[in-house]
């Protein structure tokens, strides 16, 4: 599990509340600098907590943990 700092938590809370936002919009809503928000988004993206498309960021859809267990195994 990834350790979240204050900026990470702020970014996640903002995306939960507002949905899909650009880097600049997240900066305006959190009051953090673009550099801090970008580092946070990169960390959250690498840990699959945030998705990005066309320079917009949103929380990643939660993947059901049981899905992998339900996959059939390949016969040998």
Protein backbone atom coordinates (compact mmCIF):
# COMPACT_ATOMS: atom_id res chain seq x y z
CA UNK A 1 0.00 0.00 0.00
CA UNK A 2 1.28 3.43 -0.92
CA UNK A 3 1.84 6.05 1.79
CA UNK A 4 -0.10 9.24 1.03
CA UNK A 5 1.09 12.68 2.11
CA UNK A 6 -1.04 15.78 2.68
CA UNK A 7 -0.90 16.84 -0.99
CA UNK A 8 -1.85 13.33 -2.19
CA UNK A 9 -4.85 13.28 0.14
CA UNK A 10 -5.89 16.75 -0.99
CA UNK A 11 -5.67 15.77 -4.67
CA UNK A 12 -7.71 12.60 -4.08
CA UNK A 13 -10.36 14.50 -2.11
CA UNK A 14 -10.61 17.13 -4.87
CA UNK A 15 -10.98 14.51 -7.60
CA UNK A 16 -13.60 12.66 -5.52
CA UNK A 17 -15.59 15.86 -5.16
CA UNK A 18 -15.18 17.29 -8.66
CA UNK A 19 -14.58 14.33 -10.97
CA UNK A 20 -12.31 14.95 -13.94
CA UNK A 21 -9.97 17.97 -13.70
CA UNK A 22 -6.87 19.37 -15.38
CA UNK A 23 -3.62 19.95 -13.50
CA UNK A 24 -4.34 23.69 -13.29
CA UNK A 25 -7.87 23.11 -11.98
CA UNK A 26 -6.54 20.79 -9.27
CA UNK A 27 -3.96 23.44 -8.31
CA UNK A 28 -6.64 26.11 -8.03
CA UNK A 29 -8.90 23.93 -5.88
CA UNK A 30 -6.18 22.60 -3.56
CA UNK A 31 -4.10 25.78 -3.32
CA UNK A 32 -0.95 23.75 -4.05
CA UNK A 33 1.75 24.61 -6.58
CA UNK A 34 1.70 22.91 -9.99
CA UNK A 35 5.03 21.20 -9.18
CA UNK A 36 3.63 19.63 -5.98
CA UNK A 37 0.38 18.58 -7.65
CA UNK A 38 2.22 17.09 -10.65
CA UNK A 39 4.51 15.03 -8.38
CA UNK A 40 1.46 13.85 -6.45
CA UNK A 41 -0.46 12.94 -9.62
CA UNK A 42 2.53 11.03 -10.97
CA UNK A 43 2.81 9.04 -7.73
CA UNK A 44 -0.95 8.36 -7.67
CA UNK A 45 -0.91 7.34 -11.34
CA UNK A 46 2.04 4.97 -10.84
CA UNK A 47 0.12 3.34 -7.97
CA UNK A 48 -3.04 3.08 -10.11
CA UNK A 49 -5.09 5.44 -7.94
CA UNK A 50 -5.56 8.03 -10.70
CA UNK A 51 -6.22 7.73 -14.44
CA UNK A 52 -5.45 10.35 -17.06
CA UNK A 53 -6.77 11.06 -20.54
CA UNK A 54 -6.26 14.16 -22.68
CA UNK A 55 -4.53 15.97 -19.81
CA UNK A 56 -7.48 15.45 -17.49
CA UNK A 57 -7.12 13.45 -14.29
CA UNK A 58 -9.72 11.36 -12.47
CA UNK A 59 -9.78 8.70 -9.80
CA UNK A 60 -9.16 5.23 -11.16
CA UNK A 61 -12.15 2.93 -11.20
CA UNK A 62 -11.86 0.39 -8.43
CA UNK A 63 -11.09 -3.04 -9.74
CA UNK A 64 -12.92 -5.87 -8.03
CA UNK A 65 -10.32 -7.96 -6.22
CA UNK A 66 -12.26 -11.19 -6.85
CA UNK A 67 -12.01 -10.80 -10.64
CA UNK A 68 -8.53 -12.33 -10.84
CA UNK A 69 -9.57 -15.29 -8.68
CA UNK A 70 -12.50 -16.02 -10.97
CA UNK A 71 -10.40 -16.21 -14.15
CA UNK A 72 -10.15 -19.71 -15.54
CA UNK A 73 -6.71 -21.26 -15.55
CA UNK A 74 -5.04 -22.24 -18.80
CA UNK A 75 -4.87 -26.03 -19.29
CA UNK A 76 -1.36 -27.45 -19.46
